[in-house]
Amino acid sequence: MDKQQIFNEIQSALVKLFELSPDDITPQSKLFEELDLDSIDAVDLVVHLQKKIGKKVDPETFKSVRTVQDVVDAVDKLVNG
């Protein structure tokens, strides 16, 4: 899975889980300030991604995540590590 595929998966998850517009989701989008996610939403996103990639996501990995690109990079590291 390359970074573009990971981004597409995350974008799709954000649209499905939080009813966001795909047009609002770019790699530079800030999860909390621009996309209006809260900590519970972030947990929901992590759980969704764990199911998709079949790997356990370390919560520590996601503490420093601020943008969609940060999520892409974290997932890429897990998948392609």
PDB file of N, CA and C in Angstrom:
ATOM      1  N   MET A   1       0.853  -1.175   0.000  1.00  0.00           N
ATOM      2  CA  MET A   1       0.000   0.000   0.000  1.00  0.00           C
ATOM      3  C   MET A   1       0.905   1.246   0.000  1.00  0.00           C
ATOM      4  N   ASP A   2       0.763   2.083  -1.019  1.00  0.00           N
ATOM      5  CA  ASP A   2       1.601   3.283  -1.075  1.00  0.00           C
ATOM      6  C   ASP A   2       0.895   4.451  -0.381  1.00  0.00           C
ATOM      7  N   LYS A   3       1.601   5.575  -0.267  1.00  0.00           N
ATOM      8  CA  LYS A   3       1.061   6.714   0.488  1.00  0.00           C
ATOM      9  C   LYS A   3      -0.217   7.273  -0.136  1.00  0.00           C
ATOM     10  N   GLN A   4      -0.324   7.231  -1.461  1.00  0.00           N
ATOM     11  CA  GLN A   4      -1.554   7.722  -2.099  1.00  0.00           C
ATOM     12  C   GLN A   4      -2.739   6.836  -1.734  1.00  0.00           C
ATOM     13  N   GLN A   5      -2.520   5.530  -1.733  1.00  0.00           N
ATOM     14  CA  GLN A   5      -3.593   4.599  -1.349  1.00  0.00           C
ATOM     15  C   GLN A   5      -3.977   4.804   0.120  1.00  0.00           C
ATOM     16  N   ILE A   6      -2.973   5.033   0.957  1.00  0.00           N
ATOM     17  CA  ILE A   6      -3.235   5.274   2.378  1.00  0.00           C
ATOM     18  C   ILE A   6      -4.049   6.558   2.541  1.00  0.00           C
ATOM     19  N   PHE A   7      -3.644   7.623   1.830  1.00  0.00           N
ATOM     20  CA  PHE A   7      -4.392   8.882   1.890  1.00  0.00           C
ATOM     21  C   PHE A   7      -5.843   8.655   1.459  1.00  0.00           C
ATOM     22  N   ASN A   8      -6.027   7.943   0.352  1.00  0.00           N
ATOM     23  CA  ASN A   8      -7.384   7.681  -0.146  1.00  0.00           C
ATOM     24  C   ASN A   8      -8.224   6.941   0.899  1.00  0.00           C
ATOM     25  N   GLU A   9      -7.604   5.990   1.574  1.00  0.00           N
ATOM     26  CA  GLU A   9      -8.297   5.216   2.610  1.00  0.00           C
ATOM     27  C   GLU A   9      -8.683   6.115   3.787  1.00  0.00           C
ATOM     28  N   ILE A  10      -7.760   6.968   4.199  1.00  0.00           N
ATOM     29  CA  ILE A  10      -8.024   7.876   5.319  1.00  0.00           C
ATOM     30  C   ILE A  10      -9.103   8.889   4.931  1.00  0.00           C
ATOM     31  N   GLN A  11      -9.005   9.415   3.717  1.00  0.00           N
ATOM     32  CA  GLN A  11     -10.006  10.365   3.235  1.00  0.00           C
ATOM     33  C   GLN A  11     -11.392   9.708   3.235  1.00  0.00           C
ATOM     34  N   SER A  12     -11.457   8.504   2.717  1.00  0.00           N
ATOM     35  CA  SER A  12     -12.711   7.763   2.667  1.00  0.00           C
ATOM     36  C   SER A  12     -13.259   7.521   4.083  1.00  0.00           C
ATOM     37  N   ALA A  13     -12.379   7.178   5.020  1.00  0.00           N
ATOM     38  CA  ALA A  13     -12.796   6.946   6.404  1.00  0.00           C
ATOM     39  C   ALA A  13     -13.342   8.230   7.027  1.00  0.00           C
ATOM     40  N   LEU A  14     -12.681   9.347   6.779  1.00  0.00           N
ATOM     41  CA  LEU A  14     -13.126  10.627   7.339  1.00  0.00           C
ATOM     42  C   LEU A  14     -14.497  11.020   6.785  1.00  0.00           C
ATOM     43  N   VAL A  15     -14.705  10.753   5.503  1.00  0.00           N
ATOM     44  CA  VAL A  15     -16.002  11.057   4.880  1.00  0.00           C
ATOM     45  C   VAL A  15     -17.081  10.161   5.486  1.00  0.00           C
ATOM     46  N   LYS A  16     -16.787   8.863   5.576  1.00  0.00           N
ATOM     47  CA  LYS A  16     -17.765   7.890   6.062  1.00  0.00           C
ATOM     48  C   LYS A  16     -18.066   8.062   7.555  1.00  0.00           C
ATOM     49  N   LEU A  17     -17.027   8.208   8.362  1.00  0.00           N
ATOM     50  CA  LEU A  17     -17.210   8.248   9.812  1.00  0.00           C
ATOM     51  C   LEU A  17     -17.718   9.600  10.323  1.00  0.00           C
ATOM     52  N   PHE A  18     -17.277  10.679   9.687  1.00  0.00           N
ATOM     53  CA  PHE A  18     -17.562  12.004  10.250  1.00  0.00           C
ATOM     54  C   PHE A  18     -18.323  12.923   9.299  1.00  0.00           C
ATOM     55  N   GLU A  19     -18.794  12.345   8.188  1.00  0.00           N
ATOM     56  CA  GLU A  19     -19.606  13.086   7.213  1.00  0.00           C
ATOM     57  C   GLU A  19     -18.933  14.376   6.736  1.00  0.00           C
ATOM     58  N   LEU A  20     -17.624  14.291   6.512  1.00  0.00           N
ATOM     59  CA  LEU A  20     -16.879  15.427   5.971  1.00  0.00           C
ATOM     60  C   LEU A  20     -16.935  15.390   4.456  1.00  0.00           C
ATOM     61  N   SER A  21     -16.741  16.526   3.836  1.00  0.00           N
ATOM     62  CA  SER A  21     -16.685  16.575   2.377  1.00  0.00           C
ATOM     63  C   SER A  21     -15.284  16.175   1.918  1.00  0.00           C
ATOM     64  N   PRO A  22     -15.187  15.305   0.907  1.00  0.00           N
ATOM     65  CA  PRO A  22     -13.865  14.910   0.403  1.00  0.00           C
ATOM     66  C   PRO A  22     -13.030  16.124  -0.041  1.00  0.00           C
ATOM     67  N   ASP A  23     -13.714  17.174  -0.494  1.00  0.00           N
ATOM     68  CA  ASP A  23     -13.014  18.376  -0.950  1.00  0.00           C
ATOM     69  C   ASP A  23     -12.306  19.103   0.193  1.00  0.00           C
ATOM     70  N   ASP A  24     -12.773  18.889   1.419  1.00  0.00           N
ATOM     71  CA  ASP A  24     -12.179  19.556   2.582  1.00  0.00           C
ATOM     72  C   ASP A  24     -10.954  18.813   3.113  1.00  0.00           C
ATOM     73  N   ILE A  25     -10.730  17.612   2.622  1.00  0.00           N
ATOM     74  CA  ILE A  25      -9.669  16.766   3.178  1.00  0.00           C
ATOM     75  C   ILE A  25      -8.472  16.738   2.235  1.00  0.00           C
ATOM     76  N   THR A  26      -7.420  17.414   2.660  1.00  0.00           N
ATOM     77  CA  THR A  26      -6.159  17.412   1.918  1.00  0.00           C
ATOM     78  C   THR A  26      -5.081  16.906   2.862  1.00  0.00           C
ATOM     79  N   PRO A  27      -3.906  16.560   2.340  1.00  0.00           N
ATOM     80  CA  PRO A  27      -2.833  16.133   3.250  1.00  0.00           C
ATOM     81  C   PRO A  27      -2.493  17.188   4.305  1.00  0.00           C
ATOM     82  N   GLN A  28      -2.670  18.463   3.967  1.00  0.00           N
ATOM     83  CA  GLN A  28      -2.329  19.545   4.901  1.00  0.00           C
ATOM     84  C   GLN A  28      -3.443  19.866   5.897  1.00  0.00           C
ATOM     85  N   SER A  29      -4.620  19.267   5.733  1.00  0.00           N
ATOM     86  CA  SER A  29      -5.748  19.562   6.636  1.00  0.00           C
ATOM     87  C   SER A  29      -5.384  19.216   8.076  1.00  0.00           C
ATOM     88  N   LYS A  30      -5.659  20.172   8.954  1.00  0.00           N
ATOM     89  CA  LYS A  30      -5.428  19.947  10.390  1.00  0.00           C
ATOM     90  C   LYS A  30      -6.634  19.229  10.956  1.00  0.00           C
ATOM     91  N   LEU A  31      -6.387  18.088  11.583  1.00  0.00           N
ATOM     92  CA  LEU A  31      -7.473  17.234  12.065  1.00  0.00           C
ATOM     93  C   LEU A  31      -8.385  17.944  13.059  1.00  0.00           C
ATOM     94  N   PHE A  32      -7.797  18.645  14.012  1.00  0.00           N
ATOM     95  CA  PHE A  32      -8.600  19.208  15.098  1.00  0.00           C
ATOM     96  C   PHE A  32      -9.116  20.609  14.761  1.00  0.00           C
ATOM     97  N   GLU A  33      -8.268  21.448  14.190  1.00  0.00           N
ATOM     98  CA  GLU A  33      -8.679  22.826  13.917  1.00  0.00           C
ATOM     99  C   GLU A  33      -9.565  22.935  12.673  1.00  0.00           C
ATOM    100  N   GLU A  34      -9.177  22.290  11.588  1.00  0.00           N
ATOM    101  CA  GLU A  34      -9.898  22.460  10.315  1.00  0.00           C
ATOM    102  C   GLU A  34     -11.001  21.426  10.095  1.00  0.00           C
ATOM    103  N   LEU A  35     -10.736  20.188  10.475  1.00  0.00           N
ATOM    104  CA  LEU A  35     -11.733  19.135  10.242  1.00  0.00           C
ATOM    105  C   LEU A  35     -12.642  18.925  11.447  1.00  0.00           C
ATOM    106  N   ASP A  36     -12.362  19.639  12.526  1.00  0.00           N
ATOM    107  CA  ASP A  36     -13.225  19.626  13.711  1.00  0.00           C
ATOM    108  C   ASP A  36     -13.327  18.269  14.397  1.00  0.00           C
ATOM    109  N   LEU A  37     -12.282  17.472  14.339  1.00  0.00           N
ATOM    110  CA  LEU A  37     -12.291  16.199  15.054  1.00  0.00           C
ATOM    111  C   LEU A  37     -11.927  16.464  16.511  1.00  0.00           C
ATOM    112  N   ASP A  38     -12.424  15.610  17.394  1.00  0.00           N
ATOM    113  CA  ASP A  38     -11.998  15.686  18.787  1.00  0.00           C
ATOM    114  C   ASP A  38     -11.272  14.386  19.138  1.00  0.00           C
ATOM    115  N   SER A  39     -10.874  14.228  20.383  1.00  0.00           N
ATOM    116  CA  SER A  39     -10.078  13.057  20.760  1.00  0.00           C
ATOM    117  C   SER A  39     -10.852  11.757  20.572  1.00  0.00           C
ATOM    118  N   ILE A  40     -12.152  11.777  20.793  1.00  0.00           N
ATOM    119  CA  ILE A  40     -12.981  10.581  20.584  1.00  0.00           C
ATOM    120  C   ILE A  40     -13.014  10.223  19.097  1.00  0.00           C
ATOM    121  N   ASP A  41     -13.146  11.240  18.251  1.00  0.00           N
ATOM    122  CA  ASP A  41     -13.121  11.014  16.797  1.00  0.00           C
ATOM    123  C   ASP A  41     -11.790  10.403  16.375  1.00  0.00           C
ATOM    124  N   ALA A  42     -10.706  10.894  16.961  1.00  0.00           N
ATOM    125  CA  ALA A  42      -9.377  10.375  16.623  1.00  0.00           C
ATOM    126  C   ALA A  42      -9.281   8.888  16.972  1.00  0.00           C
ATOM    127  N   VAL A  43      -9.839   8.515  18.118  1.00  0.00           N
ATOM    128  CA  VAL A  43      -9.848   7.100  18.525  1.00  0.00           C
ATOM    129  C   VAL A  43     -10.667   6.276  17.533  1.00  0.00           C
ATOM    130  N   ASP A  44     -11.828   6.802  17.134  1.00  0.00           N
ATOM    131  CA  ASP A  44     -12.658   6.104  16.150  1.00  0.00           C
ATOM    132  C   ASP A  44     -11.899   5.894  14.837  1.00  0.00           C
ATOM    133  N   LEU A  45     -11.165   6.917  14.425  1.00  0.00           N
ATOM    134  CA  LEU A  45     -10.378   6.818  13.190  1.00  0.00           C
ATOM    135  C   LEU A  45      -9.299   5.749  13.322  1.00  0.00           C
ATOM    136  N   VAL A  46      -8.611   5.719  14.452  1.00  0.00           N
ATOM    137  CA  VAL A  46      -7.554   4.722  14.691  1.00  0.00           C
ATOM    138  C   VAL A  46      -8.139   3.311  14.660  1.00  0.00           C
ATOM    139  N   VAL A  47      -9.279   3.123  15.317  1.00  0.00           N
ATOM    140  CA  VAL A  47      -9.928   1.796  15.334  1.00  0.00           C
ATOM    141  C   VAL A  47     -10.289   1.375  13.912  1.00  0.00           C
ATOM    142  N   HIS A  48     -10.837   2.302  13.143  1.00  0.00           N
ATOM    143  CA  HIS A  48     -11.195   2.016  11.752  1.00  0.00           C
ATOM    144  C   HIS A  48      -9.956   1.620  10.949  1.00  0.00           C
ATOM    145  N   LEU A  49      -8.878   2.367  11.117  1.00  0.00           N
ATOM    146  CA  LEU A  49      -7.650   2.082  10.369  1.00  0.00           C
ATOM    147  C   LEU A  49      -7.043   0.749  10.777  1.00  0.00           C
ATOM    148  N   GLN A  50      -7.116   0.426  12.057  1.00  0.00           N
ATOM    149  CA  GLN A  50      -6.603  -0.870  12.521  1.00  0.00           C
ATOM    150  C   GLN A  50      -7.301  -2.015  11.806  1.00  0.00           C
ATOM    151  N   LYS A  51      -8.614  -1.898  11.668  1.00  0.00           N
ATOM    152  CA  LYS A  51      -9.376  -2.945  10.983  1.00  0.00           C
ATOM    153  C   LYS A  51      -8.962  -3.039   9.520  1.00  0.00           C
ATOM    154  N   LYS A  52      -8.744  -1.887   8.882  1.00  0.00           N
ATOM    155  CA  LYS A  52      -8.393  -1.865   7.458  1.00  0.00           C
ATOM    156  C   LYS A  52      -7.007  -2.436   7.192  1.00  0.00           C
ATOM    157  N   ILE A  53      -6.036  -2.093   8.043  1.00  0.00           N
ATOM    158  CA  ILE A  53      -4.654  -2.523   7.769  1.00  0.00           C
ATOM    159  C   ILE A  53      -4.292  -3.824   8.479  1.00  0.00           C
ATOM    160  N   GLY A  54      -5.145  -4.245   9.416  1.00  0.00           N
ATOM    161  CA  GLY A  54      -4.899  -5.511  10.094  1.00  0.00           C
ATOM    162  C   GLY A  54      -3.732  -5.480  11.053  1.00  0.00           C
ATOM    163  N   LYS A  55      -3.363  -4.297  11.524  1.00  0.00           N
ATOM    164  CA  LYS A  55      -2.259  -4.176  12.480  1.00  0.00           C
ATOM    165  C   LYS A  55      -2.697  -3.298  13.638  1.00  0.00           C
ATOM    166  N   LYS A  56      -2.132  -3.589  14.798  1.00  0.00           N
ATOM    167  CA  LYS A  56      -2.431  -2.785  15.986  1.00  0.00           C
ATOM    168  C   LYS A  56      -1.700  -1.455  15.884  1.00  0.00           C
ATOM    169  N   VAL A  57      -2.413  -0.401  16.166  1.00  0.00           N
ATOM    170  CA  VAL A  57      -1.833   0.934  16.126  1.00  0.00           C
ATOM    171  C   VAL A  57      -1.485   1.349  17.547  1.00  0.00           C
ATOM    172  N   ASP A  58      -0.242   1.708  17.763  1.00  0.00           N
ATOM    173  CA  ASP A  58       0.223   2.158  19.074  1.00  0.00           C
ATOM    174  C   ASP A  58      -0.308   3.567  19.335  1.00  0.00           C
ATOM    175  N   PRO A  59      -1.059   3.750  20.420  1.00  0.00           N
ATOM    176  CA  PRO A  59      -1.614   5.083  20.706  1.00  0.00           C
ATOM    177  C   PRO A  59      -0.541   6.176  20.765  1.00  0.00           C
ATOM    178  N   GLU A  60       0.661   5.822  21.209  1.00  0.00           N
ATOM    179  CA  GLU A  60       1.756   6.796  21.271  1.00  0.00           C
ATOM    180  C   GLU A  60       2.055   7.376  19.893  1.00  0.00           C
ATOM    181  N   THR A  61       1.926   6.549  18.867  1.00  0.00           N
ATOM    182  CA  THR A  61       2.192   6.976  17.502  1.00  0.00           C
ATOM    183  C   THR A  61       1.269   8.119  17.104  1.00  0.00           C
ATOM    184  N   PHE A  62       0.055   8.081  17.607  1.00  0.00           N
ATOM    185  CA  PHE A  62      -0.937   9.056  17.185  1.00  0.00           C
ATOM    186  C   PHE A  62      -1.022  10.291  18.088  1.00  0.00           C
ATOM    187  N   LYS A  63      -0.241  10.321  19.153  1.00  0.00           N
ATOM    188  CA  LYS A  63      -0.268  11.499  20.025  1.00  0.00           C
ATOM    189  C   LYS A  63       0.285  12.743  19.337  1.00  0.00           C
ATOM    190  N   SER A  64       1.227  12.551  18.422  1.00  0.00           N
ATOM    191  CA  SER A  64       1.848  13.707  17.764  1.00  0.00           C
ATOM    192  C   SER A  64       1.193  14.043  16.419  1.00  0.00           C
ATOM    193  N   VAL A  65       0.178  13.284  16.053  1.00  0.00           N
ATOM    194  CA  VAL A  65      -0.499  13.486  14.776  1.00  0.00           C
ATOM    195  C   VAL A  65      -1.354  14.755  14.821  1.00  0.00           C
ATOM    196  N   ARG A  66      -1.139  15.639  13.834  1.00  0.00           N
ATOM    197  CA  ARG A  66      -1.904  16.883  13.772  1.00  0.00           C
ATOM    198  C   ARG A  66      -2.607  17.081  12.432  1.00  0.00           C
ATOM    199  N   THR A  67      -2.033  16.528  11.364  1.00  0.00           N
ATOM    200  CA  THR A  67      -2.596  16.714  10.028  1.00  0.00           C
ATOM    201  C   THR A  67      -2.931  15.364   9.406  1.00  0.00           C
ATOM    202  N   VAL A  68      -3.662  15.409   8.307  1.00  0.00           N
ATOM    203  CA  VAL A  68      -3.973  14.183   7.572  1.00  0.00           C
ATOM    204  C   VAL A  68      -2.667  13.524   7.110  1.00  0.00           C
ATOM    205  N   GLN A  69      -1.698  14.336   6.674  1.00  0.00           N
ATOM    206  CA  GLN A  69      -0.414  13.776   6.226  1.00  0.00           C
ATOM    207  C   GLN A  69       0.305  13.053   7.362  1.00  0.00           C
ATOM    208  N   ASP A  70       0.189  13.557   8.591  1.00  0.00           N
ATOM    209  CA  ASP A  70       0.784  12.872   9.745  1.00  0.00           C
ATOM    210  C   ASP A  70       0.173  11.480   9.905  1.00  0.00           C
ATOM    211  N   VAL A  71      -1.125  11.375   9.687  1.00  0.00           N
ATOM    212  CA  VAL A  71      -1.800  10.071   9.779  1.00  0.00           C
ATOM    213  C   VAL A  71      -1.292   9.154   8.665  1.00  0.00           C
ATOM    214  N   VAL A  72      -1.197   9.693   7.448  1.00  0.00           N
ATOM    215  CA  VAL A  72      -0.690   8.918   6.309  1.00  0.00           C
ATOM    216  C   VAL A  72       0.710   8.384   6.634  1.00  0.00           C
ATOM    217  N   ASP A  73       1.573   9.238   7.134  1.00  0.00           N
ATOM    218  CA  ASP A  73       2.947   8.834   7.451  1.00  0.00           C
ATOM    219  C   ASP A  73       2.995   7.766   8.541  1.00  0.00           C
ATOM    220  N   ALA A  74       2.162   7.923   9.566  1.00  0.00           N
ATOM    221  CA  ALA A  74       2.125   6.952  10.654  1.00  0.00           C
ATOM    222  C   ALA A  74       1.643   5.585  10.167  1.00  0.00           C
ATOM    223  N   VAL A  75       0.604   5.581   9.335  1.00  0.00           N
ATOM    224  CA  VAL A  75       0.070   4.329   8.795  1.00  0.00           C
ATOM    225  C   VAL A  75       1.077   3.698   7.831  1.00  0.00           C
ATOM    226  N   ASP A  76       1.720   4.530   7.015  1.00  0.00           N
ATOM    227  CA  ASP A  76       2.733   4.037   6.078  1.00  0.00           C
ATOM    228  C   ASP A  76       3.864   3.343   6.839  1.00  0.00           C
ATOM    229  N   LYS A  77       4.289   3.941   7.937  1.00  0.00           N
ATOM    230  CA  LYS A  77       5.359   3.366   8.759  1.00  0.00           C
ATOM    231  C   LYS A  77       4.941   2.008   9.310  1.00  0.00           C
ATOM    232  N   LEU A  78       3.680   1.906   9.734  1.00  0.00           N
ATOM    233  CA  LEU A  78       3.160   0.641  10.259  1.00  0.00           C
ATOM    234  C   LEU A  78       3.072  -0.435   9.176  1.00  0.00           C
ATOM    235  N   VAL A  79       2.541  -0.044   8.027  1.00  0.00           N
ATOM    236  CA  VAL A  79       2.290  -1.012   6.952  1.00  0.00           C
ATOM    237  C   VAL A  79       3.582  -1.400   6.242  1.00  0.00           C
ATOM    238  N   ASN A  80       4.397  -0.402   5.937  1.00  0.00           N
ATOM    239  CA  ASN A  80       5.580  -0.651   5.117  1.00  0.00           C
ATOM    240  C   ASN A  80       6.883  -0.600   5.899  1.00  0.00           C
ATOM    241  N   GLY A  81       6.760  -0.295   7.186  1.00  0.00           N
ATOM    242  CA  GLY A  81       7.769  -0.138   8.163  1.00  0.00           C
ATOM    243  C   GLY A  81       9.151  -0.388   7.942  1.00  0.00           C
TER     244      GLY A  81
END
